[in-house]
PDB file of N, CA and C in Angstrom:
ATOM      1  N   UNK A   1     -49.838 -20.501  24.420  1.00  0.00           N
ATOM      2  CA  UNK A   1     -48.399 -20.753  23.151  1.00  0.00           C
ATOM      3  C   UNK A   1     -48.770 -19.955  22.231  1.00  0.00           C
ATOM      4  N   UNK A   2     -47.723 -18.764  21.406  1.00  0.00           N
ATOM      5  CA  UNK A   2     -48.469 -18.180  20.735  1.00  0.00           C
ATOM      6  C   UNK A   2     -48.280 -18.636  19.354  1.00  0.00           C
ATOM      7  N   UNK A   3     -49.142 -18.308  18.578  1.00  0.00           N
ATOM      8  CA  UNK A   3     -49.242 -18.334  17.099  1.00  0.00           C
ATOM      9  C   UNK A   3     -48.747 -18.028  16.239  1.00  0.00           C
ATOM     10  N   UNK A   4     -48.272 -18.001  15.127  1.00  0.00           N
ATOM     11  CA  UNK A   4     -47.256 -17.063  14.703  1.00  0.00           C
ATOM     12  C   UNK A   4     -48.326 -16.815  13.159  1.00  0.00           C
ATOM     13  N   UNK A   5     -48.767 -15.351  13.371  1.00  0.00           N
ATOM     14  CA  UNK A   5     -49.374 -14.550  12.541  1.00  0.00           C
ATOM     15  C   UNK A   5     -49.456 -14.199  11.063  1.00  0.00           C
ATOM     16  N   UNK A   6     -47.857 -13.821  11.481  1.00  0.00           N
ATOM     17  CA  UNK A   6     -47.035 -13.590  10.166  1.00  0.00           C
ATOM     18  C   UNK A   6     -46.844 -14.287   8.836  1.00  0.00           C
ATOM     19  N   UNK A   7     -46.867 -13.760   7.974  1.00  0.00           N
ATOM     20  CA  UNK A   7     -47.362 -13.903   6.350  1.00  0.00           C
ATOM     21  C   UNK A   7     -45.808 -14.350   6.085  1.00  0.00           C
ATOM     22  N   UNK A   8     -45.700 -15.258   4.872  1.00  0.00           N
ATOM     23  CA  UNK A   8     -44.525 -15.568   4.357  1.00  0.00           C
ATOM     24  C   UNK A   8     -43.900 -14.033   4.052  1.00  0.00           C
ATOM     25  N   UNK A   9     -45.079 -13.254   3.087  1.00  0.00           N
ATOM     26  CA  UNK A   9     -44.129 -12.044   2.702  1.00  0.00           C
ATOM     27  C   UNK A   9     -43.661 -10.894   3.590  1.00  0.00           C
ATOM     28  N   UNK A  10     -44.151 -10.684   4.565  1.00  0.00           N
ATOM     29  CA  UNK A  10     -43.815 -10.163   6.007  1.00  0.00           C
ATOM     30  C   UNK A  10     -42.867 -11.184   6.589  1.00  0.00           C
ATOM     31  N   UNK A  11     -42.333 -12.066   6.958  1.00  0.00           N
ATOM     32  CA  UNK A  11     -41.013 -12.456   7.326  1.00  0.00           C
ATOM     33  C   UNK A  11     -40.348 -12.349   6.258  1.00  0.00           C
ATOM     34  N   UNK A  12     -40.308 -12.520   4.899  1.00  0.00           N
ATOM     35  CA  UNK A  12     -39.421 -12.161   3.900  1.00  0.00           C
ATOM     36  C   UNK A  12     -38.714 -10.492   4.201  1.00  0.00           C
ATOM     37  N   UNK A  13     -40.054  -9.820   4.339  1.00  0.00           N
ATOM     38  CA  UNK A  13     -39.722  -8.309   4.658  1.00  0.00           C
ATOM     39  C   UNK A  13     -38.598  -8.385   5.190  1.00  0.00           C
ATOM     40  N   UNK A  14     -39.205  -8.693   6.787  1.00  0.00           N
ATOM     41  CA  UNK A  14     -37.972  -8.153   7.991  1.00  0.00           C
ATOM     42  C   UNK A  14     -36.583  -8.798   7.761  1.00  0.00           C
ATOM     43  N   UNK A  15     -36.488 -10.501   7.054  1.00  0.00           N
ATOM     44  CA  UNK A  15     -35.496 -10.509   6.779  1.00  0.00           C
ATOM     45  C   UNK A  15     -34.586  -9.597   5.497  1.00  0.00           C
ATOM     46  N   UNK A  16     -35.388  -9.192   4.840  1.00  0.00           N
ATOM     47  CA  UNK A  16     -34.854  -8.317   3.813  1.00  0.00           C
ATOM     48  C   UNK A  16     -33.997  -6.795   4.582  1.00  0.00           C
ATOM     49  N   UNK A  17     -35.089  -6.293   5.561  1.00  0.00           N
ATOM     50  CA  UNK A  17     -34.403  -4.934   6.004  1.00  0.00           C
ATOM     51  C   UNK A  17     -33.298  -5.513   7.288  1.00  0.00           C
ATOM     52  N   UNK A  18     -33.744  -6.821   7.721  1.00  0.00           N
ATOM     53  CA  UNK A  18     -32.099  -7.147   8.822  1.00  0.00           C
ATOM     54  C   UNK A  18     -31.082  -6.883   7.826  1.00  0.00           C
ATOM     55  N   UNK A  19     -31.158  -8.072   6.331  1.00  0.00           N
ATOM     56  CA  UNK A  19     -30.162  -8.057   5.637  1.00  0.00           C
ATOM     57  C   UNK A  19     -29.751  -6.637   5.561  1.00  0.00           C
ATOM     58  N   UNK A  20     -30.294  -5.476   5.063  1.00  0.00           N
ATOM     59  CA  UNK A  20     -30.072  -4.531   4.929  1.00  0.00           C
ATOM     60  C   UNK A  20     -29.323  -3.261   5.738  1.00  0.00           C
ATOM     61  N   UNK A  21     -30.063  -3.508   6.675  1.00  0.00           N
ATOM     62  CA  UNK A  21     -29.229  -3.113   8.166  1.00  0.00           C
ATOM     63  C   UNK A  21     -27.783  -3.615   8.163  1.00  0.00           C
ATOM     64  N   UNK A  22     -27.945  -4.750   8.258  1.00  0.00           N
ATOM     65  CA  UNK A  22     -26.515  -5.784   8.493  1.00  0.00           C
ATOM     66  C   UNK A  22     -25.528  -5.255   7.340  1.00  0.00           C
ATOM     67  N   UNK A  23     -26.152  -5.099   6.094  1.00  0.00           N
ATOM     68  CA  UNK A  23     -25.162  -4.413   4.813  1.00  0.00           C
ATOM     69  C   UNK A  23     -24.274  -3.249   5.428  1.00  0.00           C
ATOM     70  N   UNK A  24     -25.253  -2.339   5.797  1.00  0.00           N
ATOM     71  CA  UNK A  24     -25.137  -0.671   5.911  1.00  0.00           C
ATOM     72  C   UNK A  24     -23.882  -0.637   7.120  1.00  0.00           C
ATOM     73  N   UNK A  25     -24.137  -1.733   8.313  1.00  0.00           N
ATOM     74  CA  UNK A  25     -23.245  -1.181   9.101  1.00  0.00           C
ATOM     75  C   UNK A  25     -22.104  -1.938   8.916  1.00  0.00           C
ATOM     76  N   UNK A  26     -21.995  -3.049   7.818  1.00  0.00           N
ATOM     77  CA  UNK A  26     -20.776  -3.516   7.505  1.00  0.00           C
ATOM     78  C   UNK A  26     -20.088  -2.566   6.620  1.00  0.00           C
ATOM     79  N   UNK A  27     -20.828  -2.025   5.782  1.00  0.00           N
ATOM     80  CA  UNK A  27     -20.101  -0.760   4.911  1.00  0.00           C
ATOM     81  C   UNK A  27     -19.482   0.060   5.417  1.00  0.00           C
ATOM     82  N   UNK A  28     -20.064   0.213   6.550  1.00  0.00           N
ATOM     83  CA  UNK A  28     -19.586   1.557   7.449  1.00  0.00           C
ATOM     84  C   UNK A  28     -17.989   1.154   8.046  1.00  0.00           C
ATOM     85  N   UNK A  29     -18.200   0.051   8.646  1.00  0.00           N
ATOM     86  CA  UNK A  29     -17.000  -0.754   9.330  1.00  0.00           C
ATOM     87  C   UNK A  29     -16.473  -1.063   8.283  1.00  0.00           C
ATOM     88  N   UNK A  30     -16.316  -1.110   7.266  1.00  0.00           N
ATOM     89  CA  UNK A  30     -15.502  -1.199   6.111  1.00  0.00           C
ATOM     90  C   UNK A  30     -14.803   0.146   6.103  1.00  0.00           C
ATOM     91  N   UNK A  31     -15.669   0.977   5.601  1.00  0.00           N
ATOM     92  CA  UNK A  31     -15.092   2.588   5.392  1.00  0.00           C
ATOM     93  C   UNK A  31     -14.651   3.142   6.728  1.00  0.00           C
ATOM     94  N   UNK A  32     -14.359   2.676   7.675  1.00  0.00           N
ATOM     95  CA  UNK A  32     -14.074   3.225   9.199  1.00  0.00           C
ATOM     96  C   UNK A  32     -12.450   2.570   8.999  1.00  0.00           C
ATOM     97  N   UNK A  33     -12.606   1.106   8.890  1.00  0.00           N
ATOM     98  CA  UNK A  33     -11.277   0.274   8.304  1.00  0.00           C
ATOM     99  C   UNK A  33     -10.430   1.033   7.496  1.00  0.00           C
ATOM    100  N   UNK A  34     -10.989   1.353   6.154  1.00  0.00           N
ATOM    101  CA  UNK A  34     -10.033   1.750   5.411  1.00  0.00           C
ATOM    102  C   UNK A  34      -9.264   3.441   5.685  1.00  0.00           C
ATOM    103  N   UNK A  35     -10.300   4.177   5.903  1.00  0.00           N
ATOM    104  CA  UNK A  35      -9.701   5.411   6.512  1.00  0.00           C
ATOM    105  C   UNK A  35      -8.635   5.660   7.534  1.00  0.00           C
ATOM    106  N   UNK A  36      -8.856   4.110   8.497  1.00  0.00           N
ATOM    107  CA  UNK A  36      -8.188   4.716   9.571  1.00  0.00           C
ATOM    108  C   UNK A  36      -6.639   4.454   9.177  1.00  0.00           C
ATOM    109  N   UNK A  37      -6.855   3.242   8.242  1.00  0.00           N
ATOM    110  CA  UNK A  37      -5.558   2.344   7.502  1.00  0.00           C
ATOM    111  C   UNK A  37      -4.815   3.831   6.912  1.00  0.00           C
ATOM    112  N   UNK A  38      -5.415   4.648   6.226  1.00  0.00           N
ATOM    113  CA  UNK A  38      -5.272   5.430   5.138  1.00  0.00           C
ATOM    114  C   UNK A  38      -4.897   6.278   5.994  1.00  0.00           C
ATOM    115  N   UNK A  39      -5.462   7.133   7.093  1.00  0.00           N
ATOM    116  CA  UNK A  39      -4.755   7.777   7.723  1.00  0.00           C
ATOM    117  C   UNK A  39      -3.497   7.418   8.271  1.00  0.00           C
ATOM    118  N   UNK A  40      -3.465   6.086   8.896  1.00  0.00           N
ATOM    119  CA  UNK A  40      -2.388   5.988   9.454  1.00  0.00           C
ATOM    120  C   UNK A  40      -1.141   6.164   8.898  1.00  0.00           C
ATOM    121  N   UNK A  41      -1.012   5.378   7.743  1.00  0.00           N
ATOM    122  CA  UNK A  41      -0.583   5.148   7.119  1.00  0.00           C
ATOM    123  C   UNK A  41       0.101   6.943   6.438  1.00  0.00           C
ATOM    124  N   UNK A  42      -0.727   7.592   6.227  1.00  0.00           N
ATOM    125  CA  UNK A  42      -0.231   9.232   5.941  1.00  0.00           C
ATOM    126  C   UNK A  42       0.265   9.593   6.886  1.00  0.00           C
ATOM    127  N   UNK A  43       0.204   9.530   8.133  1.00  0.00           N
ATOM    128  CA  UNK A  43       0.591  10.087   9.415  1.00  0.00           C
ATOM    129  C   UNK A  43       2.230   9.698   9.360  1.00  0.00           C
ATOM    130  N   UNK A  44       2.312   8.005   9.658  1.00  0.00           N
ATOM    131  CA  UNK A  44       3.500   7.762   9.450  1.00  0.00           C
ATOM    132  C   UNK A  44       4.592   8.434   8.388  1.00  0.00           C
ATOM    133  N   UNK A  45       4.034   8.107   6.987  1.00  0.00           N
ATOM    134  CA  UNK A  45       4.691   8.714   6.248  1.00  0.00           C
ATOM    135  C   UNK A  45       4.829  10.623   6.191  1.00  0.00           C
ATOM    136  N   UNK A  46       4.314  11.089   6.843  1.00  0.00           N
ATOM    137  CA  UNK A  46       4.485  12.569   7.233  1.00  0.00           C
ATOM    138  C   UNK A  46       5.571  12.633   8.253  1.00  0.00           C
ATOM    139  N   UNK A  47       5.533  11.646   9.298  1.00  0.00           N
ATOM    140  CA  UNK A  47       6.416  11.960  10.353  1.00  0.00           C
ATOM    141  C   UNK A  47       7.832  11.458   9.905  1.00  0.00           C
ATOM    142  N   UNK A  48       7.889  10.540   9.051  1.00  0.00           N
ATOM    143  CA  UNK A  48       9.258  10.210   8.454  1.00  0.00           C
ATOM    144  C   UNK A  48       9.983  11.555   7.404  1.00  0.00           C
ATOM    145  N   UNK A  49       8.557  12.067   6.838  1.00  0.00           N
ATOM    146  CA  UNK A  49       9.289  12.952   5.688  1.00  0.00           C
ATOM    147  C   UNK A  49      10.027  13.853   6.893  1.00  0.00           C
ATOM    148  N   UNK A  50       9.292  14.710   7.551  1.00  0.00           N
ATOM    149  CA  UNK A  50       9.556  15.513   8.675  1.00  0.00           C
ATOM    150  C   UNK A  50      10.752  15.387   9.364  1.00  0.00           C
ATOM    151  N   UNK A  51      11.172  14.016   9.348  1.00  0.00           N
ATOM    152  CA  UNK A  51      12.381  14.004  10.295  1.00  0.00           C
ATOM    153  C   UNK A  51      13.232  14.244   9.161  1.00  0.00           C
ATOM    154  N   UNK A  52      13.004  13.275   7.641  1.00  0.00           N
ATOM    155  CA  UNK A  52      14.095  13.474   6.760  1.00  0.00           C
ATOM    156  C   UNK A  52      14.832  14.628   6.048  1.00  0.00           C
ATOM    157  N   UNK A  53      13.479  15.479   6.167  1.00  0.00           N
ATOM    158  CA  UNK A  53      13.460  17.101   5.895  1.00  0.00           C
ATOM    159  C   UNK A  53      14.278  17.289   7.205  1.00  0.00           C
ATOM    160  N   UNK A  54      14.172  17.563   8.340  1.00  0.00           N
ATOM    161  CA  UNK A  54      15.024  18.364   9.142  1.00  0.00           C
ATOM    162  C   UNK A  54      16.489  17.603   9.124  1.00  0.00           C
ATOM    163  N   UNK A  55      16.987  16.560   8.801  1.00  0.00           N
ATOM    164  CA  UNK A  55      18.178  15.607   8.478  1.00  0.00           C
ATOM    165  C   UNK A  55      18.871  16.311   7.411  1.00  0.00           C
ATOM    166  N   UNK A  56      17.985  16.908   6.137  1.00  0.00           N
ATOM    167  CA  UNK A  56      18.771  17.463   4.851  1.00  0.00           C
ATOM    168  C   UNK A  56      18.665  18.708   4.829  1.00  0.00           C
ATOM    169  N   UNK A  57      17.919  19.886   6.049  1.00  0.00           N
ATOM    170  CA  UNK A  57      18.131  20.995   6.123  1.00  0.00           C
ATOM    171  C   UNK A  57      19.331  20.823   6.825  1.00  0.00           C
ATOM    172  N   UNK A  58      19.687  20.381   8.338  1.00  0.00           N
ATOM    173  CA  UNK A  58      20.845  20.343   8.751  1.00  0.00           C
ATOM    174  C   UNK A  58      22.190  20.042   8.004  1.00  0.00           C
ATOM    175  N   UNK A  59      22.003  18.671   7.658  1.00  0.00           N
ATOM    176  CA  UNK A  59      23.172  18.283   6.323  1.00  0.00           C
ATOM    177  C   UNK A  59      23.545  19.605   5.394  1.00  0.00           C
ATOM    178  N   UNK A  60      22.478  20.269   5.300  1.00  0.00           N
ATOM    179  CA  UNK A  60      22.780  21.301   3.862  1.00  0.00           C
ATOM    180  C   UNK A  60      23.400  22.691   4.330  1.00  0.00           C
ATOM    181  N   UNK A  61      23.212  23.028   5.826  1.00  0.00           N
ATOM    182  CA  UNK A  61      23.541  24.271   6.227  1.00  0.00           C
ATOM    183  C   UNK A  61      25.334  23.871   6.646  1.00  0.00           C
ATOM    184  N   UNK A  62      25.180  22.720   6.991  1.00  0.00           N
ATOM    185  CA  UNK A  62      26.862  22.203   6.960  1.00  0.00           C
ATOM    186  C   UNK A  62      27.533  22.078   5.587  1.00  0.00           C
ATOM    187  N   UNK A  63      27.032  21.397   4.923  1.00  0.00           N
ATOM    188  CA  UNK A  63      27.925  21.822   3.844  1.00  0.00           C
ATOM    189  C   UNK A  63      28.103  22.837   3.028  1.00  0.00           C
ATOM    190  N   UNK A  64      26.965  23.911   3.192  1.00  0.00           N
ATOM    191  CA  UNK A  64      26.947  24.880   2.753  1.00  0.00           C
ATOM    192  C   UNK A  64      28.537  26.015   3.567  1.00  0.00           C
ATOM    193  N   UNK A  65      28.221  25.716   4.989  1.00  0.00           N
ATOM    194  CA  UNK A  65      29.215  26.711   5.496  1.00  0.00           C
ATOM    195  C   UNK A  65      30.735  25.904   5.360  1.00  0.00           C
ATOM    196  N   UNK A  66      30.897  24.432   5.228  1.00  0.00           N
ATOM    197  CA  UNK A  66      32.267  23.814   4.826  1.00  0.00           C
ATOM    198  C   UNK A  66      32.565  24.301   2.979  1.00  0.00           C
ATOM    199  N   UNK A  67      31.227  24.472   2.317  1.00  0.00           N
ATOM    200  CA  UNK A  67      31.983  24.536   1.132  1.00  0.00           C
ATOM    201  C   UNK A  67      32.404  26.024   1.021  1.00  0.00           C
ATOM    202  N   UNK A  68      32.164  26.831   1.746  1.00  0.00           N
ATOM    203  CA  UNK A  68      31.956  28.524   1.665  1.00  0.00           C
ATOM    204  C   UNK A  68      33.365  28.235   2.549  1.00  0.00           C
ATOM    205  N   UNK A  69      33.823  27.509   3.181  1.00  0.00           N
ATOM    206  CA  UNK A  69      34.695  27.645   4.070  1.00  0.00           C
ATOM    207  C   UNK A  69      36.312  27.690   3.471  1.00  0.00           C
ATOM    208  N   UNK A  70      36.079  26.663   1.567  1.00  0.00           N
ATOM    209  CA  UNK A  70      36.598  25.769   1.216  1.00  0.00           C
ATOM    210  C   UNK A  70      36.773  27.057   0.058  1.00  0.00           C
ATOM    211  N   UNK A  71      35.719  27.809  -0.217  1.00  0.00           N
ATOM    212  CA  UNK A  71      35.840  28.897  -1.452  1.00  0.00           C
ATOM    213  C   UNK A  71      36.004  30.445  -0.885  1.00  0.00           C
ATOM    214  N   UNK A  72      36.296  30.212   0.200  1.00  0.00           N
ATOM    215  CA  UNK A  72      37.300  31.893   1.512  1.00  0.00           C
ATOM    216  C   UNK A  72      36.064  32.661   1.388  1.00  0.00           C
ATOM    217  N   UNK A  73      34.742  32.411   1.582  1.00  0.00           N
ATOM    218  CA  UNK A  73      33.365  33.191   2.011  1.00  0.00           C
ATOM    219  C   UNK A  73      32.421  32.323   2.062  1.00  0.00           C
ATOM    220  N   UNK A  74      31.772  32.410   3.544  1.00  0.00           N
ATOM    221  CA  UNK A  74      30.854  31.395   3.899  1.00  0.00           C
ATOM    222  C   UNK A  74      29.365  31.768   3.240  1.00  0.00           C
ATOM    223  N   UNK A  75      29.417  32.874   2.600  1.00  0.00           N
ATOM    224  CA  UNK A  75      28.007  32.815   1.487  1.00  0.00           C
ATOM    225  C   UNK A  75      28.097  32.083   0.528  1.00  0.00           C
ATOM    226  N   UNK A  76      29.493  32.101  -0.550  1.00  0.00           N
ATOM    227  CA  UNK A  76      29.797  30.925  -1.503  1.00  0.00           C
ATOM    228  C   UNK A  76      29.213  29.836  -1.495  1.00  0.00           C
ATOM    229  N   UNK A  77      29.393  28.912  -0.380  1.00  0.00           N
ATOM    230  CA  UNK A  77      28.646  27.679  -0.125  1.00  0.00           C
ATOM    231  C   UNK A  77      27.304  27.967  -0.426  1.00  0.00           C
ATOM    232  N   UNK A  78      26.367  28.419   0.316  1.00  0.00           N
ATOM    233  CA  UNK A  78      25.399  28.382   0.179  1.00  0.00           C
ATOM    234  C   UNK A  78      24.819  28.921  -1.323  1.00  0.00           C
ATOM    235  N   UNK A  79      25.506  30.074  -2.173  1.00  0.00           N
ATOM    236  CA  UNK A  79      25.028  29.922  -3.652  1.00  0.00           C
ATOM    237  C   UNK A  79      25.346  29.062  -4.127  1.00  0.00           C
ATOM    238  N   UNK A  80      26.560  28.036  -3.982  1.00  0.00           N
ATOM    239  CA  UNK A  80      26.257  26.929  -4.480  1.00  0.00           C
ATOM    240  C   UNK A  80      25.358  25.334  -4.337  1.00  0.00           C
ATOM    241  N   UNK A  81      24.860  25.411  -2.638  1.00  0.00           N
ATOM    242  CA  UNK A  81      24.013  24.466  -2.431  1.00  0.00           C
ATOM    243  C   UNK A  81      22.680  25.387  -3.287  1.00  0.00           C
ATOM    244  N   UNK A  82      22.804  26.219  -3.336  1.00  0.00           N
ATOM    245  CA  UNK A  82      21.216  26.452  -3.676  1.00  0.00           C
ATOM    246  C   UNK A  82      21.371  26.646  -5.560  1.00  0.00           C
ATOM    247  N   UNK A  83      22.308  26.208  -6.130  1.00  0.00           N
ATOM    248  CA  UNK A  83      22.548  26.127  -7.354  1.00  0.00           C
ATOM    249  C   UNK A  83      22.504  24.872  -7.760  1.00  0.00           C
ATOM    250  N   UNK A  84      22.837  24.056  -6.525  1.00  0.00           N
ATOM    251  CA  UNK A  84      22.915  22.335  -6.474  1.00  0.00           C
ATOM    252  C   UNK A  84      20.968  21.686  -6.710  1.00  0.00           C
ATOM    253  N   UNK A  85      20.215  22.932  -6.007  1.00  0.00           N
ATOM    254  CA  UNK A  85      18.819  22.558  -5.370  1.00  0.00           C
ATOM    255  C   UNK A  85      18.086  23.257  -6.942  1.00  0.00           C
ATOM    256  N   UNK A  86      18.561  24.453  -7.214  1.00  0.00           N
ATOM    257  CA  UNK A  86      18.090  24.499  -8.761  1.00  0.00           C
ATOM    258  C   UNK A  86      17.976  23.417  -9.787  1.00  0.00           C
ATOM    259  N   UNK A  87      19.111  23.006  -9.870  1.00  0.00           N
ATOM    260  CA  UNK A  87      19.361  21.814 -10.751  1.00  0.00           C
ATOM    261  C   UNK A  87      18.489  20.837 -10.469  1.00  0.00           C
ATOM    262  N   UNK A  88      17.927  20.101  -9.314  1.00  0.00           N
ATOM    263  CA  UNK A  88      17.330  19.196  -9.090  1.00  0.00           C
ATOM    264  C   UNK A  88      15.968  19.548  -8.988  1.00  0.00           C
ATOM    265  N   UNK A  89      15.686  20.850  -8.711  1.00  0.00           N
ATOM    266  CA  UNK A  89      14.201  21.369  -9.004  1.00  0.00           C
ATOM    267  C   UNK A  89      13.717  21.410 -10.304  1.00  0.00           C
ATOM    268  N   UNK A  90      14.697  21.173 -11.483  1.00  0.00           N
ATOM    269  CA  UNK A  90      14.612  21.514 -12.861  1.00  0.00           C
ATOM    270  C   UNK A  90      14.503  19.747 -13.128  1.00  0.00           C
ATOM    271  N   UNK A  91      15.198  19.252 -12.790  1.00  0.00           N
ATOM    272  CA  UNK A  91      14.733  17.724 -12.844  1.00  0.00           C
ATOM    273  C   UNK A  91      13.974  17.003 -12.957  1.00  0.00           C
ATOM    274  N   UNK A  92      13.538  17.549 -11.356  1.00  0.00           N
ATOM    275  CA  UNK A  92      12.037  17.024 -10.853  1.00  0.00           C
ATOM    276  C   UNK A  92      10.780  17.850 -11.677  1.00  0.00           C
ATOM    277  N   UNK A  93      11.237  18.913 -12.039  1.00  0.00           N
ATOM    278  CA  UNK A  93       9.595  19.271 -12.596  1.00  0.00           C
ATOM    279  C   UNK A  93       9.574  18.590 -14.126  1.00  0.00           C
ATOM    280  N   UNK A  94      10.501  18.555 -14.739  1.00  0.00           N
ATOM    281  CA  UNK A  94      10.533  17.769 -15.877  1.00  0.00           C
ATOM    282  C   UNK A  94      10.079  16.210 -15.459  1.00  0.00           C
ATOM    283  N   UNK A  95      10.681  15.333 -14.494  1.00  0.00           N
ATOM    284  CA  UNK A  95      10.060  13.978 -14.482  1.00  0.00           C
ATOM    285  C   UNK A  95       9.098  14.124 -12.958  1.00  0.00           C
ATOM    286  N   UNK A  96       8.716  15.280 -13.256  1.00  0.00           N
ATOM    287  CA  UNK A  96       7.646  15.288 -11.768  1.00  0.00           C
ATOM    288  C   UNK A  96       6.304  13.718 -11.687  1.00  0.00           C
ATOM    289  N   UNK A  97       5.673  14.021 -13.141  1.00  0.00           N
ATOM    290  CA  UNK A  97       4.365  12.731 -13.192  1.00  0.00           C
ATOM    291  C   UNK A  97       4.940  11.442 -12.978  1.00  0.00           C
ATOM    292  N   UNK A  98       6.592  11.151 -13.474  1.00  0.00           N
ATOM    293  CA  UNK A  98       6.956   9.971 -13.426  1.00  0.00           C
ATOM    294  C   UNK A  98       7.560   9.540 -11.942  1.00  0.00           C
ATOM    295  N   UNK A  99       8.432  10.540 -11.539  1.00  0.00           N
ATOM    296  CA  UNK A  99       8.512   9.945 -10.281  1.00  0.00           C
ATOM    297  C   UNK A  99       8.167  10.320  -8.775  1.00  0.00           C
ATOM    298  N   UNK A 100       6.804  11.254  -8.934  1.00  0.00           N
ATOM    299  CA  UNK A 100       6.190  11.788  -7.710  1.00  0.00           C
ATOM    300  C   UNK A 100       4.914  11.800  -8.234  1.00  0.00           C
ATOM    301  N   UNK A 101       4.193  12.086  -9.024  1.00  0.00           N
ATOM    302  CA  UNK A 101       2.760  12.061  -9.203  1.00  0.00           C
ATOM    303  C   UNK A 101       1.664  10.043  -9.125  1.00  0.00           C
ATOM    304  N   UNK A 102       2.733   9.337 -10.140  1.00  0.00           N
ATOM    305  CA  UNK A 102       2.235   8.410 -10.220  1.00  0.00           C
ATOM    306  C   UNK A 102       2.566   7.312  -8.770  1.00  0.00           C
ATOM    307  N   UNK A 103       3.851   7.410  -8.242  1.00  0.00           N
ATOM    308  CA  UNK A 103       4.309   6.480  -7.339  1.00  0.00           C
ATOM    309  C   UNK A 103       2.827   6.988  -5.941  1.00  0.00           C
ATOM    310  N   UNK A 104       2.606   8.239  -5.974  1.00  0.00           N
ATOM    311  CA  UNK A 104       1.568   9.042  -4.929  1.00  0.00           C
ATOM    312  C   UNK A 104       0.658   8.107  -5.124  1.00  0.00           C
ATOM    313  N   UNK A 105       0.198   8.312  -6.308  1.00  0.00           N
ATOM    314  CA  UNK A 105      -1.482   8.074  -7.087  1.00  0.00           C
ATOM    315  C   UNK A 105      -1.574   6.342  -6.675  1.00  0.00           C
ATOM    316  N   UNK A 106      -0.444   5.702  -6.613  1.00  0.00           N
ATOM    317  CA  UNK A 106      -0.718   4.314  -6.775  1.00  0.00           C
ATOM    318  C   UNK A 106      -0.572   4.240  -5.189  1.00  0.00           C
ATOM    319  N   UNK A 107       0.171   4.434  -4.506  1.00  0.00           N
ATOM    320  CA  UNK A 107       0.141   4.349  -2.894  1.00  0.00           C
ATOM    321  C   UNK A 107      -0.905   4.534  -2.333  1.00  0.00           C
ATOM    322  N   UNK A 108      -2.248   5.968  -2.886  1.00  0.00           N
ATOM    323  CA  UNK A 108      -3.331   6.068  -2.382  1.00  0.00           C
ATOM    324  C   UNK A 108      -4.270   5.000  -2.862  1.00  0.00           C
ATOM    325  N   UNK A 109      -4.292   4.901  -3.828  1.00  0.00           N
ATOM    326  CA  UNK A 109      -5.154   4.099  -4.731  1.00  0.00           C
ATOM    327  C   UNK A 109      -5.258   1.888  -4.164  1.00  0.00           C
ATOM    328  N   UNK A 110      -3.667   1.728  -3.738  1.00  0.00           N
ATOM    329  CA  UNK A 110      -3.388   0.352  -3.044  1.00  0.00           C
ATOM    330  C   UNK A 110      -4.323   0.894  -1.423  1.00  0.00           C
ATOM    331  N   UNK A 111      -4.047   1.774  -0.950  1.00  0.00           N
ATOM    332  CA  UNK A 111      -4.517   1.829   0.324  1.00  0.00           C
ATOM    333  C   UNK A 111      -5.607   1.800   0.373  1.00  0.00           C
ATOM    334  N   UNK A 112      -6.522   2.089  -0.512  1.00  0.00           N
ATOM    335  CA  UNK A 112      -7.837   2.579  -0.256  1.00  0.00           C
ATOM    336  C   UNK A 112      -8.560   1.190  -0.861  1.00  0.00           C
ATOM    337  N   UNK A 113      -7.847   0.170  -1.755  1.00  0.00           N
ATOM    338  CA  UNK A 113      -8.393  -0.700  -1.897  1.00  0.00           C
ATOM    339  C   UNK A 113      -7.842  -2.174  -1.420  1.00  0.00           C
ATOM    340  N   UNK A 114      -7.212  -1.662  -0.534  1.00  0.00           N
ATOM    341  CA  UNK A 114      -6.411  -2.729   0.521  1.00  0.00           C
ATOM    342  C   UNK A 114      -7.626  -3.401   1.452  1.00  0.00           C
TER     343      UNK A 114
END
């Protein structure tokens, strides 16, 4: 039978070392989980954004051709659509922090702290 020659201090150091290794491994796993959750949410949002963007582009081309047909020249419709987006861009620039920056920041923070 083996006798335990370790002192209580050595046992305490071993347990502290094991605890440190376990804590580090847990932190790594939590970081991987948060990163995977954030990336998957970002990719999902990006794919949705791309689909909506393609839809909007095709609708805009159709509207521009239709408006141009109503006005007599097809390129007039593109000018009307461009003017509409010019007005939208001015509004977005004026309220960018409230409508875009704050919601995106809140989304990123909520994903990281989840």
